[in-house]
């Protein structure tokens, strides 16, 4: 079982405490896996997690070391990148809102995702990021 599947299973079975929204996301994940409208591209998610490992941390005590996505991050990106509409081959999700507390590598992970779309995806990509303050941007 890969990390995002293990995370979903742990949330579903109560081994990881979770809020209502996360539990709903996990149930949606399982429903989509069984929905014939969608297909799940495990290879795309595996490629993305591998891509993240060639991206180094740029500051702090981990500076220069490869980024290792946490299981919850892999679960989020598995949902975003893995589900595709069977009839078209296009991703199910075109945008996402992920709310994460301070000091959880939001900027680092957002940069990795933006780099992924710029370098690894076919076609023209529009990538938008936002910040609360100009200094943060």
Protein backbone atom coordinates (compact mmCIF):
# COMPACT_ATOMS: atom_id res chain seq x y z
CA UNK A 1 0.00 0.00 0.00
CA UNK A 2 1.45 3.37 -0.96
CA UNK A 3 1.58 6.33 1.48
CA UNK A 4 -1.55 8.12 0.26
CA UNK A 5 -3.61 4.92 0.36
CA UNK A 6 -2.30 4.13 3.84
CA UNK A 7 -3.17 7.67 4.97
CA UNK A 8 -6.73 7.38 3.61
CA UNK A 9 -7.13 3.98 5.26
CA UNK A 10 -5.80 5.29 8.58
CA UNK A 11 -8.20 8.24 8.52
CA UNK A 12 -11.13 6.05 7.50
CA UNK A 13 -10.45 3.55 10.28
CA UNK A 14 -9.81 6.14 13.00
CA UNK A 15 -6.08 5.54 13.40
CA UNK A 16 -5.47 9.19 12.46
CA UNK A 17 -7.73 11.76 14.15
CA UNK A 18 -9.55 13.79 11.50
CA UNK A 19 -12.07 16.58 11.22
CA UNK A 20 -15.37 16.23 9.37
CA UNK A 21 -14.01 17.76 6.14
CA UNK A 22 -11.03 15.41 5.99
CA UNK A 23 -13.27 12.41 6.63
CA UNK A 24 -15.49 13.62 3.78
CA UNK A 25 -12.43 13.97 1.51
CA UNK A 26 -11.40 10.40 2.31
CA UNK A 27 -14.90 9.08 1.60
CA UNK A 28 -14.97 11.04 -1.68
CA UNK A 29 -11.58 9.49 -2.57
CA UNK A 30 -12.95 5.97 -2.08
CA UNK A 31 -16.19 6.80 -3.91
CA UNK A 32 -14.22 8.18 -6.86
CA UNK A 33 -12.02 5.07 -6.97
CA UNK A 34 -15.20 3.03 -7.45
CA UNK A 35 -16.88 5.47 -9.82
CA UNK A 36 -16.72 4.24 -13.45
CA UNK A 37 -16.65 7.86 -14.67
CA UNK A 38 -13.10 8.24 -13.30
CA UNK A 39 -9.86 6.38 -13.59
CA UNK A 40 -6.99 6.72 -11.13
CA UNK A 41 -3.52 7.32 -12.58
CA UNK A 42 -1.20 5.87 -9.94
CA UNK A 43 1.80 6.43 -12.22
CA UNK A 44 1.14 10.19 -12.38
CA UNK A 45 1.01 10.45 -8.59
CA UNK A 46 4.13 8.32 -8.20
CA UNK A 47 5.95 10.49 -10.76
CA UNK A 48 4.92 13.64 -8.86
CA UNK A 49 6.13 12.31 -5.52
CA UNK A 50 9.40 11.28 -7.21
CA UNK A 51 9.68 14.74 -8.77
CA UNK A 52 9.26 16.32 -5.33
CA UNK A 53 12.31 14.39 -4.11
CA UNK A 54 14.59 16.10 -6.63
CA UNK A 55 13.46 19.49 -5.32
CA UNK A 56 15.61 20.59 -2.38
CA UNK A 57 14.53 22.54 0.67
CA UNK A 58 15.79 26.10 0.23
CA UNK A 59 16.03 27.30 3.83
CA UNK A 60 16.12 26.16 7.41
CA UNK A 61 17.87 23.17 8.90
CA UNK A 62 16.78 21.00 5.94
CA UNK A 63 18.32 23.35 3.36
CA UNK A 64 19.73 21.36 0.44
CA UNK A 65 18.04 18.11 1.43
CA UNK A 66 15.35 16.61 -0.82
CA UNK A 67 11.71 17.26 -0.03
CA UNK A 68 9.87 14.19 1.27
CA UNK A 69 6.14 14.73 1.05
CA UNK A 70 4.21 13.74 4.16
CA UNK A 71 1.45 11.15 3.71
CA UNK A 72 -1.26 13.82 4.08
CA UNK A 73 0.41 15.84 1.32
CA UNK A 74 0.61 12.77 -0.90
CA UNK A 75 -3.09 12.13 -0.25
CA UNK A 76 -3.96 15.69 -1.30
CA UNK A 77 -1.89 15.47 -4.49
CA UNK A 78 -3.16 11.98 -5.26
CA UNK A 79 -6.65 13.47 -5.35
CA UNK A 80 -5.58 16.43 -7.48
CA UNK A 81 -3.35 14.63 -9.96
CA UNK A 82 -4.56 11.04 -9.88
CA UNK A 83 -8.23 11.20 -10.78
CA UNK A 84 -8.97 11.57 -14.47
CA UNK A 85 -12.20 11.56 -16.41
CA UNK A 86 -12.22 8.23 -18.22
CA UNK A 87 -13.86 9.60 -21.39
CA UNK A 88 -11.41 12.47 -21.90
CA UNK A 89 -8.27 11.57 -19.94
CA UNK A 90 -8.33 15.03 -18.35
CA UNK A 91 -7.83 15.55 -14.64
CA UNK A 92 -11.01 15.67 -12.55
CA UNK A 93 -9.84 18.78 -10.69
CA UNK A 94 -8.74 21.99 -12.35
CA UNK A 95 -8.30 23.98 -9.13
CA UNK A 96 -8.00 23.31 -5.43
CA UNK A 97 -8.06 25.07 -2.10
CA UNK A 98 -5.95 23.46 0.61
CA UNK A 99 -5.86 25.14 4.00
CA UNK A 100 -2.76 24.38 6.03
CA UNK A 101 -1.50 25.88 9.33
CA UNK A 102 1.70 27.87 9.61
CA UNK A 103 5.07 26.17 9.27
CA UNK A 104 3.85 23.24 7.20
CA UNK A 105 5.92 23.90 4.04
CA UNK A 106 3.07 25.57 2.13
CA UNK A 107 5.40 27.73 0.02
CA UNK A 108 7.76 24.84 -0.66
CA UNK A 109 4.99 22.49 -1.74
CA UNK A 110 3.27 25.20 -3.82
CA UNK A 111 6.58 25.83 -5.60
CA UNK A 112 7.01 22.11 -6.30
CA UNK A 113 3.49 21.90 -7.72
CA UNK A 114 4.04 24.99 -9.88
CA UNK A 115 7.36 23.56 -11.14
CA UNK A 116 5.61 20.26 -11.91
CA UNK A 117 3.03 21.98 -14.08
CA UNK A 118 5.64 24.12 -15.82
CA UNK A 119 8.08 21.30 -16.55
CA UNK A 120 6.24 17.98 -16.56
CA UNK A 121 2.75 18.68 -17.91
CA UNK A 122 1.87 18.99 -21.59
CA UNK A 123 0.25 22.13 -22.94
CA UNK A 124 0.09 25.69 -21.76
CA UNK A 125 -0.31 26.04 -18.01
CA UNK A 126 -1.74 29.00 -16.09
CA UNK A 127 -0.37 28.99 -12.56
CA UNK A 128 -1.59 31.41 -9.90
CA UNK A 129 -0.41 31.81 -6.34
CA UNK A 130 -1.55 34.24 -3.67
CA UNK A 131 -0.22 35.56 -0.38
CA UNK A 132 -1.54 37.63 2.49
CA UNK A 133 1.26 40.18 2.26
CA UNK A 134 3.67 41.47 -0.35
CA UNK A 135 6.64 40.22 1.70
CA UNK A 136 5.18 36.74 1.78
CA UNK A 137 4.64 36.72 -1.97
